Amino acid sequence: MGCGVVCTLDALDRRIVGALQVDGRAHWGHVAAVLDEPESAVARRGQRLLALGVVQVIGVPAPTAGTVVHLRCEPGQERVAALSLARRRDTRYVHLLAGAAGGVA
C-alpha cells in the first residue's frame, strides 16, 4: 500500500475503516463476517492500515459523555469526518480541534 503524505483508500479499506468506527476493538473475524470478506484479507488490510498510521483506533471512557473518540485525519479531511460523525444517531457532539487530534466526538 506504500502511502506517502496522502494515502488513497480503496473500497475494502473504507469498509474496514467503517467497521472499526463502529467497534474499534472487534476481532478481524467479526469484521470479515460483517463485511462478507475473507478474514485473511480483512486482517491483512486492517493491520496494514493500522501499521502505516493511516488508521488509529483510540477510545477514552468519559462517564458523563459516553465515549470520546480521537480522530487523526488527512489534511483537509477533518470537516468531512466531523460531518459524517455528526450525522450518526448515536453521536451527541462533534468538535474540531487544532493539533495532533483533528476532532473529538
C-alpha atoms as a PDB file:
ATOM      1  CA  MET A   1       0.000   0.000   0.000  1.00  0.00           C
ATOM      2  CA  GLY A   2       3.024   2.327   0.495  1.00  0.00           C
ATOM      3  CA  CYS A   3       1.384   5.634   1.433  1.00  0.00           C
ATOM      4  CA  GLY A   4       3.227   8.921   1.141  1.00  0.00           C
ATOM      5  CA  VAL A   5       1.765  12.111   2.529  1.00  0.00           C
ATOM      6  CA  VAL A   6      -1.708  11.189   1.257  1.00  0.00           C
ATOM      7  CA  CYS A   7      -2.988   7.628   1.058  1.00  0.00           C
ATOM      8  CA  THR A   8      -5.806   6.565  -1.229  1.00  0.00           C
ATOM      9  CA  LEU A   9      -8.131   4.023   0.357  1.00  0.00           C
ATOM     10  CA  ASP A  10      -9.951   1.595  -1.886  1.00  0.00           C
ATOM     11  CA  ALA A  11     -13.482   0.320  -1.270  1.00  0.00           C
ATOM     12  CA  LEU A  12     -12.430  -2.539   1.041  1.00  0.00           C
ATOM     13  CA  ASP A  13     -10.149  -0.241   3.052  1.00  0.00           C
ATOM     14  CA  ARG A  14     -13.031   2.209   3.543  1.00  0.00           C
ATOM     15  CA  ARG A  15     -15.366  -0.598   4.606  1.00  0.00           C
ATOM     16  CA  ILE A  16     -12.805  -1.829   7.154  1.00  0.00           C
ATOM     17  CA  VAL A  17     -12.420   1.718   8.488  1.00  0.00           C
ATOM     18  CA  GLY A  18     -16.218   1.965   8.756  1.00  0.00           C
ATOM     19  CA  ALA A  19     -16.386  -1.289  10.715  1.00  0.00           C
ATOM     20  CA  LEU A  20     -13.642  -0.070  13.059  1.00  0.00           C
ATOM     21  CA  GLN A  21     -15.586   3.146  13.600  1.00  0.00           C
ATOM     22  CA  VAL A  22     -18.490   1.062  14.872  1.00  0.00           C
ATOM     23  CA  ASP A  23     -16.312  -1.180  17.061  1.00  0.00           C
ATOM     24  CA  GLY A  24     -12.607  -0.414  17.155  1.00  0.00           C
ATOM     25  CA  ARG A  25     -11.923  -3.498  19.288  1.00  0.00           C
ATOM     26  CA  ALA A  26     -13.704  -6.002  17.038  1.00  0.00           C
ATOM     27  CA  HIS A  27     -11.817  -9.183  16.112  1.00  0.00           C
ATOM     28  CA  TRP A  28     -10.833  -9.361  12.438  1.00  0.00           C
ATOM     29  CA  GLY A  29     -13.019 -12.456  12.097  1.00  0.00           C
ATOM     30  CA  HIS A  30     -16.075 -10.479  13.181  1.00  0.00           C
ATOM     31  CA  VAL A  31     -15.211  -7.575  10.863  1.00  0.00           C
ATOM     32  CA  ALA A  32     -14.743 -10.042   7.984  1.00  0.00           C
ATOM     33  CA  ALA A  33     -18.104 -11.695   8.688  1.00  0.00           C
ATOM     34  CA  VAL A  34     -19.909  -8.344   8.780  1.00  0.00           C
ATOM     35  CA  LEU A  35     -18.243  -7.254   5.532  1.00  0.00           C
ATOM     36  CA  ASP A  36     -18.689 -10.696   3.923  1.00  0.00           C
ATOM     37  CA  GLU A  37     -14.986 -10.785   3.029  1.00  0.00           C
ATOM     38  CA  PRO A  38     -12.275 -13.385   3.753  1.00  0.00           C
ATOM     39  CA  GLU A  39     -10.849 -12.998   7.255  1.00  0.00           C
ATOM     40  CA  SER A  40      -7.261 -13.247   5.983  1.00  0.00           C
ATOM     41  CA  ALA A  41      -7.789 -10.337   3.579  1.00  0.00           C
ATOM     42  CA  VAL A  42      -9.525  -8.171   6.188  1.00  0.00           C
ATOM     43  CA  ALA A  43      -6.871  -8.902   8.819  1.00  0.00           C
ATOM     44  CA  ARG A  44      -4.016  -8.216   6.398  1.00  0.00           C
ATOM     45  CA  ARG A  45      -5.539  -4.975   5.122  1.00  0.00           C
ATOM     46  CA  GLY A  46      -6.638  -3.806   8.572  1.00  0.00           C
ATOM     47  CA  GLN A  47      -3.233  -4.480  10.126  1.00  0.00           C
ATOM     48  CA  ARG A  48      -1.557  -2.598   7.267  1.00  0.00           C
ATOM     49  CA  LEU A  49      -3.846   0.427   7.754  1.00  0.00           C
ATOM     50  CA  LEU A  50      -3.016   0.433  11.456  1.00  0.00           C
ATOM     51  CA  ALA A  51       0.735  -0.165  10.980  1.00  0.00           C
ATOM     52  CA  LEU A  52       1.048   2.665   8.448  1.00  0.00           C
ATOM     53  CA  GLY A  53      -0.784   5.022  10.786  1.00  0.00           C
ATOM     54  CA  VAL A  54      -3.458   5.615   8.165  1.00  0.00           C
ATOM     55  CA  VAL A  55      -5.978   4.479  10.781  1.00  0.00           C
ATOM     56  CA  GLN A  56      -5.714   4.846  14.528  1.00  0.00           C
ATOM     57  CA  VAL A  57      -8.279   3.438  16.911  1.00  0.00           C
ATOM     58  CA  ILE A  58      -8.317   5.401  20.150  1.00  0.00           C
ATOM     59  CA  GLY A  59     -11.076   5.465  22.740  1.00  0.00           C
ATOM     60  CA  VAL A  60     -11.181   7.193  26.095  1.00  0.00           C
ATOM     61  CA  PRO A  61     -14.038   6.490  28.511  1.00  0.00           C
ATOM     62  CA  ALA A  62     -15.903   9.592  29.635  1.00  0.00           C
ATOM     63  CA  PRO A  63     -18.515   8.707  32.287  1.00  0.00           C
ATOM     64  CA  THR A  64     -20.890  11.593  31.563  1.00  0.00           C
ATOM     65  CA  ALA A  65     -20.485  11.771  27.785  1.00  0.00           C
ATOM     66  CA  GLY A  66     -20.227   8.106  26.763  1.00  0.00           C
ATOM     67  CA  THR A  67     -17.071   7.614  24.728  1.00  0.00           C
ATOM     68  CA  VAL A  68     -14.664  10.239  23.459  1.00  0.00           C
ATOM     69  CA  VAL A  69     -13.104   9.329  20.114  1.00  0.00           C
ATOM     70  CA  HIS A  70      -9.801  10.857  18.984  1.00  0.00           C
ATOM     71  CA  LEU A  71      -9.586  11.298  15.205  1.00  0.00           C
ATOM     72  CA  ARG A  72      -6.483  11.834  13.133  1.00  0.00           C
ATOM     73  CA  CYS A  73      -7.356  12.818   9.573  1.00  0.00           C
ATOM     74  CA  GLU A  74      -5.516  13.646   6.388  1.00  0.00           C
ATOM     75  CA  PRO A  75      -5.076  17.411   5.943  1.00  0.00           C
ATOM     76  CA  GLY A  76      -8.338  18.997   4.848  1.00  0.00           C
ATOM     77  CA  GLN A  77     -10.464  15.958   5.762  1.00  0.00           C
ATOM     78  CA  GLU A  78     -11.348  16.937   9.339  1.00  0.00           C
ATOM     79  CA  ARG A  79     -14.603  18.608   8.332  1.00  0.00           C
ATOM     80  CA  VAL A  80     -15.663  15.603   6.232  1.00  0.00           C
ATOM     81  CA  ALA A  81     -15.030  13.231   9.161  1.00  0.00           C
ATOM     82  CA  ALA A  82     -16.803  15.553  11.619  1.00  0.00           C
ATOM     83  CA  LEU A  83     -19.873  15.859   9.384  1.00  0.00           C
ATOM     84  CA  SER A  84     -20.024  12.073   8.968  1.00  0.00           C
ATOM     85  CA  LEU A  85     -19.906  11.600  12.730  1.00  0.00           C
ATOM     86  CA  ALA A  86     -22.452  14.368  13.321  1.00  0.00           C
ATOM     87  CA  ARG A  87     -24.957  12.547  11.082  1.00  0.00           C
ATOM     88  CA  ARG A  88     -24.854   9.435  13.285  1.00  0.00           C
ATOM     89  CA  ARG A  89     -27.808   8.989  15.626  1.00  0.00           C
ATOM     90  CA  ASP A  90     -25.514   7.859  18.453  1.00  0.00           C
ATOM     91  CA  THR A  91     -23.273  10.949  18.297  1.00  0.00           C
ATOM     92  CA  ARG A  92     -24.008  13.574  20.952  1.00  0.00           C
ATOM     93  CA  TYR A  93     -21.494  16.193  19.807  1.00  0.00           C
ATOM     94  CA  VAL A  94     -18.547  16.766  17.473  1.00  0.00           C
ATOM     95  CA  HIS A  95     -15.766  19.319  17.980  1.00  0.00           C
ATOM     96  CA  LEU A  96     -12.934  20.095  15.592  1.00  0.00           C
ATOM     97  CA  LEU A  97      -9.577  20.751  17.254  1.00  0.00           C
ATOM     98  CA  ALA A  98      -6.200  22.141  16.282  1.00  0.00           C
ATOM     99  CA  GLY A  99      -3.148  19.996  16.995  1.00  0.00           C
ATOM    100  CA  ALA A 100      -2.469  16.258  16.984  1.00  0.00           C
ATOM    101  CA  ALA A 101      -6.169  15.369  17.286  1.00  0.00           C
ATOM    102  CA  GLY A 102      -8.229  16.512  14.306  1.00  0.00           C
ATOM    103  CA  GLY A 103     -11.524  16.122  16.123  1.00  0.00           C
ATOM    104  CA  VAL A 104     -13.398  14.689  19.076  1.00  0.00           C
ATOM    105  CA  ALA A 105     -16.840  13.099  19.014  1.00  0.00           C
END
